[in-house]
């Protein structure tokens, strides 16, 4: 999986190259464009109660989208937040970060 952030600092978006078998989980409504070979599944995040609490208290969507590349060829996915602003990719290996409500965009 390869990611590139573009359009910074005001109108950021991320271009993600998904290899065969890679999955990207993202906020609903974040997808701007995608290769037609990607499989999309939408589900409630954490069940009905957790999803509703996240929606009401956190200002986030109750749903998440999973994009999976089942094709042998690489696929491209473009994601963007709902509001203009900067994007930062953070590797969470042994790192903890705190985000304000609505700041989540995607994870692998």
C-alpha atoms as a PDB file:
ATOM      1  CA  UNK A   1       0.000   0.000   0.000  1.00  0.00           C
ATOM      2  CA  UNK A   2       1.330   3.394  -0.997  1.00  0.00           C
ATOM      3  CA  UNK A   3      -0.158   6.748   0.058  1.00  0.00           C
ATOM      4  CA  UNK A   4       0.415  10.287  -1.160  1.00  0.00           C
ATOM      5  CA  UNK A   5      -1.178  13.414   0.289  1.00  0.00           C
ATOM      6  CA  UNK A   6      -1.929  16.120  -2.264  1.00  0.00           C
ATOM      7  CA  UNK A   7      -3.722  19.461  -2.471  1.00  0.00           C
ATOM      8  CA  UNK A   8      -2.168  20.676   0.779  1.00  0.00           C
ATOM      9  CA  UNK A   9      -2.582  22.790   2.846  1.00  0.00           C
ATOM     10  CA  UNK A  10      -6.142  23.915   2.133  1.00  0.00           C
ATOM     11  CA  UNK A  11      -7.833  21.240   0.054  1.00  0.00           C
ATOM     12  CA  UNK A  12      -6.059  18.060   1.062  1.00  0.00           C
ATOM     13  CA  UNK A  13      -6.818  14.633  -0.310  1.00  0.00           C
ATOM     14  CA  UNK A  14      -5.000  11.323  -0.194  1.00  0.00           C
ATOM     15  CA  UNK A  15      -4.216   9.045  -3.140  1.00  0.00           C
ATOM     16  CA  UNK A  16      -3.924   5.416  -2.037  1.00  0.00           C
ATOM     17  CA  UNK A  17      -2.531   2.607  -4.166  1.00  0.00           C
ATOM     18  CA  UNK A  18      -3.976  -0.700  -2.961  1.00  0.00           C
ATOM     19  CA  UNK A  19      -2.173  -3.887  -3.938  1.00  0.00           C
ATOM     20  CA  UNK A  20      -3.980  -7.228  -4.271  1.00  0.00           C
ATOM     21  CA  UNK A  21      -5.676  -8.098  -0.955  1.00  0.00           C
ATOM     22  CA  UNK A  22      -5.166  -4.650   0.653  1.00  0.00           C
ATOM     23  CA  UNK A  23      -8.104  -3.083   2.511  1.00  0.00           C
ATOM     24  CA  UNK A  24      -8.691   0.559   3.430  1.00  0.00           C
ATOM     25  CA  UNK A  25     -11.295   1.492   6.057  1.00  0.00           C
ATOM     26  CA  UNK A  26     -12.638   5.021   5.819  1.00  0.00           C
ATOM     27  CA  UNK A  27     -15.298   7.412   6.990  1.00  0.00           C
ATOM     28  CA  UNK A  28     -18.472   7.260   4.903  1.00  0.00           C
ATOM     29  CA  UNK A  29     -18.615  10.062   2.363  1.00  0.00           C
ATOM     30  CA  UNK A  30     -14.808  10.351   2.138  1.00  0.00           C
ATOM     31  CA  UNK A  31     -14.386   8.607  -1.212  1.00  0.00           C
ATOM     32  CA  UNK A  32     -13.768  11.003  -4.099  1.00  0.00           C
ATOM     33  CA  UNK A  33     -12.822   8.515  -6.824  1.00  0.00           C
ATOM     34  CA  UNK A  34     -11.809   4.879  -7.134  1.00  0.00           C
ATOM     35  CA  UNK A  35     -10.739   2.235  -9.591  1.00  0.00           C
ATOM     36  CA  UNK A  36     -13.725   0.167 -10.689  1.00  0.00           C
ATOM     37  CA  UNK A  37     -12.078  -3.083  -9.550  1.00  0.00           C
ATOM     38  CA  UNK A  38     -12.302  -2.169  -5.846  1.00  0.00           C
ATOM     39  CA  UNK A  39     -14.939  -3.952  -3.747  1.00  0.00           C
ATOM     40  CA  UNK A  40     -16.939  -1.672  -1.423  1.00  0.00           C
ATOM     41  CA  UNK A  41     -18.707  -2.827   1.749  1.00  0.00           C
ATOM     42  CA  UNK A  42     -20.547  -0.470   4.107  1.00  0.00           C
ATOM     43  CA  UNK A  43     -21.334  -1.390   7.716  1.00  0.00           C
ATOM     44  CA  UNK A  44     -22.092   0.070  11.139  1.00  0.00           C
ATOM     45  CA  UNK A  45     -18.957   0.811  13.127  1.00  0.00           C
ATOM     46  CA  UNK A  46     -18.987  -1.232  16.342  1.00  0.00           C
ATOM     47  CA  UNK A  47     -22.664  -2.219  16.287  1.00  0.00           C
ATOM     48  CA  UNK A  48     -25.844  -0.186  16.545  1.00  0.00           C
ATOM     49  CA  UNK A  49     -25.356   1.339  20.025  1.00  0.00           C
ATOM     50  CA  UNK A  50     -21.675   2.242  19.537  1.00  0.00           C
ATOM     51  CA  UNK A  51     -22.367   3.678  16.075  1.00  0.00           C
ATOM     52  CA  UNK A  52     -25.211   5.860  17.353  1.00  0.00           C
ATOM     53  CA  UNK A  53     -23.136   7.111  20.293  1.00  0.00           C
ATOM     54  CA  UNK A  54     -20.259   7.932  17.940  1.00  0.00           C
ATOM     55  CA  UNK A  55     -22.688   9.826  15.699  1.00  0.00           C
ATOM     56  CA  UNK A  56     -24.354  11.787  18.507  1.00  0.00           C
ATOM     57  CA  UNK A  57     -21.364  12.437  20.795  1.00  0.00           C
ATOM     58  CA  UNK A  58     -18.480  12.447  18.344  1.00  0.00           C
ATOM     59  CA  UNK A  59     -19.973  14.054  15.275  1.00  0.00           C
ATOM     60  CA  UNK A  60     -18.750  11.176  13.106  1.00  0.00           C
ATOM     61  CA  UNK A  61     -20.683   8.992  10.728  1.00  0.00           C
ATOM     62  CA  UNK A  62     -22.325   5.871  12.103  1.00  0.00           C
ATOM     63  CA  UNK A  63     -21.148   3.954   9.028  1.00  0.00           C
ATOM     64  CA  UNK A  64     -17.739   2.968   7.698  1.00  0.00           C
ATOM     65  CA  UNK A  65     -16.696   1.884   4.234  1.00  0.00           C
ATOM     66  CA  UNK A  66     -14.235  -0.924   3.490  1.00  0.00           C
ATOM     67  CA  UNK A  67     -12.501  -0.820   0.131  1.00  0.00           C
ATOM     68  CA  UNK A  68     -10.729  -4.066  -0.792  1.00  0.00           C
ATOM     69  CA  UNK A  69      -8.689  -4.778  -3.897  1.00  0.00           C
ATOM     70  CA  UNK A  70      -9.537  -8.309  -5.052  1.00  0.00           C
ATOM     71  CA  UNK A  71      -7.998  -7.739  -8.483  1.00  0.00           C
ATOM     72  CA  UNK A  72      -4.448  -8.944  -9.246  1.00  0.00           C
ATOM     73  CA  UNK A  73      -3.639  -5.438 -10.519  1.00  0.00           C
ATOM     74  CA  UNK A  74      -3.052  -2.437  -8.206  1.00  0.00           C
ATOM     75  CA  UNK A  75      -6.088  -0.181  -7.659  1.00  0.00           C
ATOM     76  CA  UNK A  76      -6.280   3.529  -6.825  1.00  0.00           C
ATOM     77  CA  UNK A  77      -8.540   5.144  -4.209  1.00  0.00           C
ATOM     78  CA  UNK A  78      -8.864   8.892  -3.573  1.00  0.00           C
ATOM     79  CA  UNK A  79     -10.179  10.084  -0.192  1.00  0.00           C
ATOM     80  CA  UNK A  80     -10.891  13.578   1.075  1.00  0.00           C
ATOM     81  CA  UNK A  81     -12.338  15.001   4.310  1.00  0.00           C
ATOM     82  CA  UNK A  82     -15.720  16.724   4.263  1.00  0.00           C
ATOM     83  CA  UNK A  83     -14.250  20.104   5.234  1.00  0.00           C
ATOM     84  CA  UNK A  84     -11.262  21.942   3.726  1.00  0.00           C
ATOM     85  CA  UNK A  85      -8.004  21.652   5.624  1.00  0.00           C
ATOM     86  CA  UNK A  86      -4.648  19.980   5.935  1.00  0.00           C
ATOM     87  CA  UNK A  87      -4.094  16.218   6.029  1.00  0.00           C
ATOM     88  CA  UNK A  88      -1.418  14.337   7.942  1.00  0.00           C
ATOM     89  CA  UNK A  89      -0.610  10.635   7.655  1.00  0.00           C
ATOM     90  CA  UNK A  90       0.436   9.225  11.030  1.00  0.00           C
ATOM     91  CA  UNK A  91       2.079   5.836  11.587  1.00  0.00           C
ATOM     92  CA  UNK A  92       0.573   4.595  14.847  1.00  0.00           C
ATOM     93  CA  UNK A  93       3.300   2.060  15.610  1.00  0.00           C
ATOM     94  CA  UNK A  94       3.742   2.458  19.392  1.00  0.00           C
ATOM     95  CA  UNK A  95       2.227   5.957  19.193  1.00  0.00           C
ATOM     96  CA  UNK A  96      -0.946   7.380  20.691  1.00  0.00           C
ATOM     97  CA  UNK A  97      -2.625  10.472  19.267  1.00  0.00           C
ATOM     98  CA  UNK A  98      -5.778  12.293  20.248  1.00  0.00           C
ATOM     99  CA  UNK A  99      -8.084  13.725  17.607  1.00  0.00           C
ATOM    100  CA  UNK A 100     -10.924  16.166  17.797  1.00  0.00           C
ATOM    101  CA  UNK A 101     -14.362  14.831  16.819  1.00  0.00           C
ATOM    102  CA  UNK A 102     -14.734  14.419  13.075  1.00  0.00           C
ATOM    103  CA  UNK A 103     -10.964  14.368  12.400  1.00  0.00           C
ATOM    104  CA  UNK A 104     -10.790  10.660  11.424  1.00  0.00           C
ATOM    105  CA  UNK A 105     -10.543   9.995   7.686  1.00  0.00           C
ATOM    106  CA  UNK A 106      -9.194   6.467   7.135  1.00  0.00           C
ATOM    107  CA  UNK A 107      -6.942   3.644   8.302  1.00  0.00           C
ATOM    108  CA  UNK A 108      -5.518   0.443   6.883  1.00  0.00           C
END
